[in-house]
């Protein structure tokens, strides 16, 4: 992203983090990251990993859609 886009992306990240506790968006100097905390107490099954990956990808899709809209791309 360009330096002019940073304020828009920071505002979007703050809003995303307030609305979606399932993931956290971080704006760096030259990149944007999304992370997700996964609870693994009691072990992890293949089904659990699959579900967590699906949720992470879905939240990533929401972030990308919101970035496109916010930046007018």
PDB file of N, CA and C in Angstrom:
ATOM      1  N   UNK A   1       0.833  -1.179   0.000  1.00  0.00           N
ATOM      2  CA  UNK A   1       0.000   0.000   0.000  1.00  0.00           C
ATOM      3  C   UNK A   1       0.877   1.240   0.000  1.00  0.00           C
ATOM      4  N   UNK A   2       0.307   2.340  -0.396  1.00  0.00           N
ATOM      5  CA  UNK A   2       1.046   3.589  -0.439  1.00  0.00           C
ATOM      6  C   UNK A   2       0.908   4.327   0.898  1.00  0.00           C
ATOM      7  N   UNK A   3       1.836   5.239   1.199  1.00  0.00           N
ATOM      8  CA  UNK A   3       1.760   5.983   2.462  1.00  0.00           C
ATOM      9  C   UNK A   3       0.434   6.733   2.631  1.00  0.00           C
ATOM     10  N   UNK A   4      -0.153   7.184   1.535  1.00  0.00           N
ATOM     11  CA  UNK A   4      -1.423   7.906   1.616  1.00  0.00           C
ATOM     12  C   UNK A   4      -2.569   6.997   2.068  1.00  0.00           C
ATOM     13  N   UNK A   5      -2.434   5.704   1.831  1.00  0.00           N
ATOM     14  CA  UNK A   5      -3.489   4.752   2.185  1.00  0.00           C
ATOM     15  C   UNK A   5      -3.418   4.311   3.647  1.00  0.00           C
ATOM     16  N   UNK A   6      -2.299   4.563   4.306  1.00  0.00           N
ATOM     17  CA  UNK A   6      -2.111   4.056   5.668  1.00  0.00           C
ATOM     18  C   UNK A   6      -3.213   4.501   6.634  1.00  0.00           C
ATOM     19  N   UNK A   7      -3.598   5.788   6.695  1.00  0.00           N
ATOM     20  CA  UNK A   7      -4.657   6.175   7.631  1.00  0.00           C
ATOM     21  C   UNK A   7      -5.965   5.416   7.402  1.00  0.00           C
ATOM     22  N   UNK A   8      -6.308   5.208   6.145  1.00  0.00           N
ATOM     23  CA  UNK A   8      -7.520   4.456   5.819  1.00  0.00           C
ATOM     24  C   UNK A   8      -7.401   3.015   6.296  1.00  0.00           C
ATOM     25  N   UNK A   9      -6.243   2.405   6.061  1.00  0.00           N
ATOM     26  CA  UNK A   9      -6.040   1.014   6.456  1.00  0.00           C
ATOM     27  C   UNK A   9      -5.954   0.854   7.967  1.00  0.00           C
ATOM     28  N   UNK A  10      -5.379   1.826   8.657  1.00  0.00           N
ATOM     29  CA  UNK A  10      -5.336   1.767  10.119  1.00  0.00           C
ATOM     30  C   UNK A  10      -6.740   1.862  10.698  1.00  0.00           C
ATOM     31  N   UNK A  11      -7.560   2.748  10.147  1.00  0.00           N
ATOM     32  CA  UNK A  11      -8.942   2.867  10.603  1.00  0.00           C
ATOM     33  C   UNK A  11      -9.705   1.579  10.327  1.00  0.00           C
ATOM     34  N   UNK A  12      -9.489   1.002   9.161  1.00  0.00           N
ATOM     35  CA  UNK A  12     -10.145  -0.260   8.812  1.00  0.00           C
ATOM     36  C   UNK A  12      -9.700  -1.366   9.760  1.00  0.00           C
ATOM     37  N   UNK A  13      -8.407  -1.446  10.060  1.00  0.00           N
ATOM     38  CA  UNK A  13      -7.891  -2.467  10.971  1.00  0.00           C
ATOM     39  C   UNK A  13      -8.494  -2.302  12.361  1.00  0.00           C
ATOM     40  N   UNK A  14      -8.575  -1.086  12.853  1.00  0.00           N
ATOM     41  CA  UNK A  14      -9.168  -0.850  14.174  1.00  0.00           C
ATOM     42  C   UNK A  14     -10.631  -1.270  14.205  1.00  0.00           C
ATOM     43  N   UNK A  15     -11.374  -0.934  13.170  1.00  0.00           N
ATOM     44  CA  UNK A  15     -12.786  -1.320  13.095  1.00  0.00           C
ATOM     45  C   UNK A  15     -12.920  -2.836  13.004  1.00  0.00           C
ATOM     46  N   UNK A  16     -12.107  -3.461  12.165  1.00  0.00           N
ATOM     47  CA  UNK A  16     -12.141  -4.924  12.007  1.00  0.00           C
ATOM     48  C   UNK A  16     -11.857  -5.592  13.351  1.00  0.00           C
ATOM     49  N   UNK A  17     -10.847  -5.114  14.060  1.00  0.00           N
ATOM     50  CA  UNK A  17     -10.477  -5.712  15.343  1.00  0.00           C
ATOM     51  C   UNK A  17     -11.572  -5.554  16.385  1.00  0.00           C
ATOM     52  N   UNK A  18     -12.322  -4.461  16.342  1.00  0.00           N
ATOM     53  CA  UNK A  18     -13.445  -4.273  17.268  1.00  0.00           C
ATOM     54  C   UNK A  18     -14.613  -5.196  16.926  1.00  0.00           C
ATOM     55  N   UNK A  19     -14.879  -5.356  15.632  1.00  0.00           N
ATOM     56  CA  UNK A  19     -16.062  -6.122  15.211  1.00  0.00           C
ATOM     57  C   UNK A  19     -15.835  -7.619  15.164  1.00  0.00           C
ATOM     58  N   UNK A  20     -14.633  -8.063  14.892  1.00  0.00           N
ATOM     59  CA  UNK A  20     -14.346  -9.485  14.719  1.00  0.00           C
ATOM     60  C   UNK A  20     -13.282  -9.922  15.725  1.00  0.00           C
ATOM     61  N   UNK A  21     -13.731 -10.420  16.851  1.00  0.00           N
ATOM     62  CA  UNK A  21     -12.772 -10.857  17.872  1.00  0.00           C
ATOM     63  C   UNK A  21     -12.053 -12.140  17.459  1.00  0.00           C
ATOM     64  N   UNK A  22     -12.519 -12.763  16.404  1.00  0.00           N
ATOM     65  CA  UNK A  22     -11.959 -14.030  15.946  1.00  0.00           C
ATOM     66  C   UNK A  22     -10.586 -13.866  15.302  1.00  0.00           C
ATOM     67  N   UNK A  23     -10.241 -12.652  14.902  1.00  0.00           N
ATOM     68  CA  UNK A  23      -8.961 -12.410  14.236  1.00  0.00           C
ATOM     69  C   UNK A  23      -8.461 -11.031  14.630  1.00  0.00           C
ATOM     70  N   UNK A  24      -7.184 -10.788  14.371  1.00  0.00           N
ATOM     71  CA  UNK A  24      -6.590  -9.484  14.644  1.00  0.00           C
ATOM     72  C   UNK A  24      -5.812  -9.032  13.418  1.00  0.00           C
ATOM     73  N   UNK A  25      -6.037  -7.778  13.034  1.00  0.00           N
ATOM     74  CA  UNK A  25      -5.342  -7.194  11.890  1.00  0.00           C
ATOM     75  C   UNK A  25      -4.287  -6.228  12.416  1.00  0.00           C
ATOM     76  N   UNK A  26      -3.091  -6.308  11.825  1.00  0.00           N
ATOM     77  CA  UNK A  26      -1.974  -5.455  12.215  1.00  0.00           C
ATOM     78  C   UNK A  26      -1.462  -4.745  10.962  1.00  0.00           C
ATOM     79  N   UNK A  27      -1.283  -3.430  11.054  1.00  0.00           N
ATOM     80  CA  UNK A  27      -0.738  -2.650   9.943  1.00  0.00           C
ATOM     81  C   UNK A  27       0.735  -2.366  10.252  1.00  0.00           C
ATOM     82  N   UNK A  28       1.609  -2.846   9.394  1.00  0.00           N
ATOM     83  CA  UNK A  28       3.041  -2.598   9.504  1.00  0.00           C
ATOM     84  C   UNK A  28       3.425  -1.478   8.541  1.00  0.00           C
ATOM     85  N   UNK A  29       4.701  -1.116   8.520  1.00  0.00           N
ATOM     86  CA  UNK A  29       5.160  -0.058   7.621  1.00  0.00           C
ATOM     87  C   UNK A  29       4.938  -0.393   6.156  1.00  0.00           C
ATOM     88  N   UNK A  30       5.055  -1.664   5.802  1.00  0.00           N
ATOM     89  CA  UNK A  30       4.947  -2.027   4.379  1.00  0.00           C
ATOM     90  C   UNK A  30       4.037  -3.228   4.127  1.00  0.00           C
ATOM     91  N   UNK A  31       3.252  -3.608   5.109  1.00  0.00           N
ATOM     92  CA  UNK A  31       2.396  -4.792   4.951  1.00  0.00           C
ATOM     93  C   UNK A  31       1.248  -4.760   5.953  1.00  0.00           C
ATOM     94  N   UNK A  32       0.279  -5.604   5.674  1.00  0.00           N
ATOM     95  CA  UNK A  32      -0.852  -5.803   6.578  1.00  0.00           C
ATOM     96  C   UNK A  32      -0.907  -7.290   6.885  1.00  0.00           C
ATOM     97  N   UNK A  33      -1.088  -7.619   8.148  1.00  0.00           N
ATOM     98  CA  UNK A  33      -1.155  -9.026   8.548  1.00  0.00           C
ATOM     99  C   UNK A  33      -2.460  -9.287   9.279  1.00  0.00           C
ATOM    100  N   UNK A  34      -2.895 -10.524   9.190  1.00  0.00           N
ATOM    101  CA  UNK A  34      -4.055 -10.962   9.954  1.00  0.00           C
ATOM    102  C   UNK A  34      -3.645 -12.238  10.676  1.00  0.00           C
ATOM    103  N   UNK A  35      -4.034 -12.314  11.943  1.00  0.00           N
ATOM    104  CA  UNK A  35      -3.714 -13.503  12.729  1.00  0.00           C
ATOM    105  C   UNK A  35      -4.962 -13.972  13.459  1.00  0.00           C
ATOM    106  N   UNK A  36      -4.899 -15.194  13.890  1.00  0.00           N
ATOM    107  CA  UNK A  36      -6.030 -15.790  14.596  1.00  0.00           C
ATOM    108  C   UNK A  36      -5.492 -16.651  15.723  1.00  0.00           C
ATOM    109  N   UNK A  37      -6.049 -16.473  16.889  1.00  0.00           N
ATOM    110  CA  UNK A  37      -5.696 -17.277  18.049  1.00  0.00           C
ATOM    111  C   UNK A  37      -6.520 -18.555  18.012  1.00  0.00           C
ATOM    112  N   UNK A  38      -5.850 -19.673  18.161  1.00  0.00           N
ATOM    113  CA  UNK A  38      -6.542 -20.957  18.104  1.00  0.00           C
ATOM    114  C   UNK A  38      -6.364 -21.672  19.439  1.00  0.00           C
ATOM    115  N   UNK A  39      -7.458 -22.077  20.025  1.00  0.00           N
ATOM    116  CA  UNK A  39      -7.416 -22.813  21.287  1.00  0.00           C
ATOM    117  C   UNK A  39      -7.199 -24.286  20.983  1.00  0.00           C
ATOM    118  N   UNK A  40      -6.180 -24.847  21.600  1.00  0.00           N
ATOM    119  CA  UNK A  40      -5.864 -26.258  21.356  1.00  0.00           C
ATOM    120  C   UNK A  40      -5.850 -27.069  22.648  1.00  0.00           C
ATOM    121  N   UNK A  41      -6.447 -26.539  23.705  1.00  0.00           N
ATOM    122  CA  UNK A  41      -6.510 -27.279  24.962  1.00  0.00           C
ATOM    123  C   UNK A  41      -7.210 -28.611  24.751  1.00  0.00           C
ATOM    124  N   UNK A  42      -6.634 -29.661  25.275  1.00  0.00           N
ATOM    125  CA  UNK A  42      -7.257 -30.978  25.174  1.00  0.00           C
ATOM    126  C   UNK A  42      -6.932 -31.709  23.888  1.00  0.00           C
ATOM    127  N   UNK A  43      -6.033 -31.164  23.073  1.00  0.00           N
ATOM    128  CA  UNK A  43      -5.654 -31.835  21.839  1.00  0.00           C
ATOM    129  C   UNK A  43      -6.327 -31.232  20.623  1.00  0.00           C
ATOM    130  N   UNK A  44      -5.848 -31.645  19.477  1.00  0.00           N
ATOM    131  CA  UNK A  44      -6.346 -31.099  18.217  1.00  0.00           C
ATOM    132  C   UNK A  44      -6.652 -32.252  17.274  1.00  0.00           C
ATOM    133  N   UNK A  45      -7.854 -32.233  16.745  1.00  0.00           N
ATOM    134  CA  UNK A  45      -8.239 -33.240  15.756  1.00  0.00           C
ATOM    135  C   UNK A  45      -8.092 -32.647  14.359  1.00  0.00           C
ATOM    136  N   UNK A  46      -8.084 -33.492  13.391  1.00  0.00           N
ATOM    137  CA  UNK A  46      -8.030 -33.035  11.997  1.00  0.00           C
ATOM    138  C   UNK A  46      -9.250 -32.167  11.686  1.00  0.00           C
ATOM    139  N   UNK A  47     -10.394 -32.538  12.215  1.00  0.00           N
ATOM    140  CA  UNK A  47     -11.619 -31.767  12.004  1.00  0.00           C
ATOM    141  C   UNK A  47     -11.484 -30.361  12.608  1.00  0.00           C
ATOM    142  N   UNK A  48     -10.887 -30.293  13.790  1.00  0.00           N
ATOM    143  CA  UNK A  48     -10.692 -29.001  14.451  1.00  0.00           C
ATOM    144  C   UNK A  48      -9.776 -28.096  13.616  1.00  0.00           C
ATOM    145  N   UNK A  49      -8.663 -28.640  13.133  1.00  0.00           N
ATOM    146  CA  UNK A  49      -7.742 -27.874  12.308  1.00  0.00           C
ATOM    147  C   UNK A  49      -8.438 -27.402  11.038  1.00  0.00           C
ATOM    148  N   UNK A  50      -9.206 -28.277  10.425  1.00  0.00           N
ATOM    149  CA  UNK A  50      -9.937 -27.923   9.215  1.00  0.00           C
ATOM    150  C   UNK A  50     -10.917 -26.774   9.481  1.00  0.00           C
ATOM    151  N   UNK A  51     -11.632 -26.858  10.587  1.00  0.00           N
ATOM    152  CA  UNK A  51     -12.587 -25.807  10.958  1.00  0.00           C
ATOM    153  C   UNK A  51     -11.865 -24.480  11.200  1.00  0.00           C
ATOM    154  N   UNK A  52     -10.763 -24.527  11.926  1.00  0.00           N
ATOM    155  CA  UNK A  52     -10.008 -23.311  12.228  1.00  0.00           C
ATOM    156  C   UNK A  52      -9.461 -22.670  10.948  1.00  0.00           C
ATOM    157  N   UNK A  53      -8.952 -23.480  10.039  1.00  0.00           N
ATOM    158  CA  UNK A  53      -8.461 -22.942   8.767  1.00  0.00           C
ATOM    159  C   UNK A  53      -9.586 -22.308   7.965  1.00  0.00           C
ATOM    160  N   UNK A  54     -10.733 -22.946   7.958  1.00  0.00           N
ATOM    161  CA  UNK A  54     -11.888 -22.391   7.240  1.00  0.00           C
ATOM    162  C   UNK A  54     -12.297 -21.042   7.818  1.00  0.00           C
ATOM    163  N   UNK A  55     -12.332 -20.953   9.141  1.00  0.00           N
ATOM    164  CA  UNK A  55     -12.692 -19.693   9.802  1.00  0.00           C
ATOM    165  C   UNK A  55     -11.656 -18.601   9.503  1.00  0.00           C
ATOM    166  N   UNK A  56     -10.387 -18.970   9.525  1.00  0.00           N
ATOM    167  CA  UNK A  56      -9.326 -18.003   9.243  1.00  0.00           C
ATOM    168  C   UNK A  56      -9.435 -17.486   7.807  1.00  0.00           C
ATOM    169  N   UNK A  57      -9.642 -18.390   6.863  1.00  0.00           N
ATOM    170  CA  UNK A  57      -9.764 -17.986   5.465  1.00  0.00           C
ATOM    171  C   UNK A  57     -11.000 -17.108   5.252  1.00  0.00           C
ATOM    172  N   UNK A  58     -12.088 -17.429   5.932  1.00  0.00           N
ATOM    173  CA  UNK A  58     -13.297 -16.621   5.808  1.00  0.00           C
ATOM    174  C   UNK A  58     -13.062 -15.214   6.351  1.00  0.00           C
ATOM    175  N   UNK A  59     -12.387 -15.100   7.498  1.00  0.00           N
ATOM    176  CA  UNK A  59     -12.120 -13.776   8.049  1.00  0.00           C
ATOM    177  C   UNK A  59     -11.131 -13.014   7.164  1.00  0.00           C
ATOM    178  N   UNK A  60     -10.195 -13.714   6.548  1.00  0.00           N
ATOM    179  CA  UNK A  60      -9.266 -13.080   5.610  1.00  0.00           C
ATOM    180  C   UNK A  60     -10.009 -12.533   4.398  1.00  0.00           C
ATOM    181  N   UNK A  61     -10.971 -13.294   3.904  1.00  0.00           N
ATOM    182  CA  UNK A  61     -11.777 -12.833   2.773  1.00  0.00           C
ATOM    183  C   UNK A  61     -12.541 -11.557   3.128  1.00  0.00           C
ATOM    184  N   UNK A  62     -13.096 -11.516   4.333  1.00  0.00           N
ATOM    185  CA  UNK A  62     -13.823 -10.324   4.780  1.00  0.00           C
ATOM    186  C   UNK A  62     -12.871  -9.131   4.819  1.00  0.00           C
ATOM    187  N   UNK A  63     -11.670  -9.342   5.353  1.00  0.00           N
ATOM    188  CA  UNK A  63     -10.690  -8.255   5.414  1.00  0.00           C
ATOM    189  C   UNK A  63     -10.349  -7.748   4.020  1.00  0.00           C
ATOM    190  N   UNK A  64     -10.074  -8.630   3.083  1.00  0.00           N
ATOM    191  CA  UNK A  64      -9.719  -8.219   1.722  1.00  0.00           C
ATOM    192  C   UNK A  64     -10.869  -7.444   1.083  1.00  0.00           C
ATOM    193  N   UNK A  65     -12.086  -7.922   1.243  1.00  0.00           N
ATOM    194  CA  UNK A  65     -13.246  -7.218   0.689  1.00  0.00           C
ATOM    195  C   UNK A  65     -13.369  -5.817   1.282  1.00  0.00           C
ATOM    196  N   UNK A  66     -13.155  -5.701   2.586  1.00  0.00           N
ATOM    197  CA  UNK A  66     -13.254  -4.398   3.218  1.00  0.00           C
ATOM    198  C   UNK A  66     -12.120  -3.472   2.784  1.00  0.00           C
ATOM    199  N   UNK A  67     -10.928  -4.013   2.580  1.00  0.00           N
ATOM    200  CA  UNK A  67      -9.814  -3.202   2.101  1.00  0.00           C
ATOM    201  C   UNK A  67     -10.087  -2.668   0.692  1.00  0.00           C
ATOM    202  N   UNK A  68     -10.597  -3.532  -0.168  1.00  0.00           N
ATOM    203  CA  UNK A  68     -10.918  -3.128  -1.543  1.00  0.00           C
ATOM    204  C   UNK A  68     -11.945  -2.000  -1.532  1.00  0.00           C
ATOM    205  N   UNK A  69     -12.975  -2.155  -0.701  1.00  0.00           N
ATOM    206  CA  UNK A  69     -14.005  -1.130  -0.622  1.00  0.00           C
ATOM    207  C   UNK A  69     -13.457   0.174  -0.038  1.00  0.00           C
ATOM    208  N   UNK A  70     -12.675   0.078   1.021  1.00  0.00           N
ATOM    209  CA  UNK A  70     -12.146   1.272   1.692  1.00  0.00           C
ATOM    210  C   UNK A  70     -11.184   2.055   0.805  1.00  0.00           C
ATOM    211  N   UNK A  71     -10.411   1.326  -0.007  1.00  0.00           N
ATOM    212  CA  UNK A  71      -9.435   1.978  -0.875  1.00  0.00           C
ATOM    213  C   UNK A  71      -9.990   2.318  -2.252  1.00  0.00           C
ATOM    214  N   UNK A  72     -11.243   1.905  -2.502  1.00  0.00           N
ATOM    215  CA  UNK A  72     -11.865   2.201  -3.789  1.00  0.00           C
ATOM    216  C   UNK A  72     -11.216   1.494  -4.951  1.00  0.00           C
ATOM    217  N   UNK A  73     -10.789   0.257  -4.728  1.00  0.00           N
ATOM    218  CA  UNK A  73     -10.116  -0.509  -5.790  1.00  0.00           C
ATOM    219  C   UNK A  73     -11.092  -1.353  -6.592  1.00  0.00           C
TER     220      UNK A  73
END
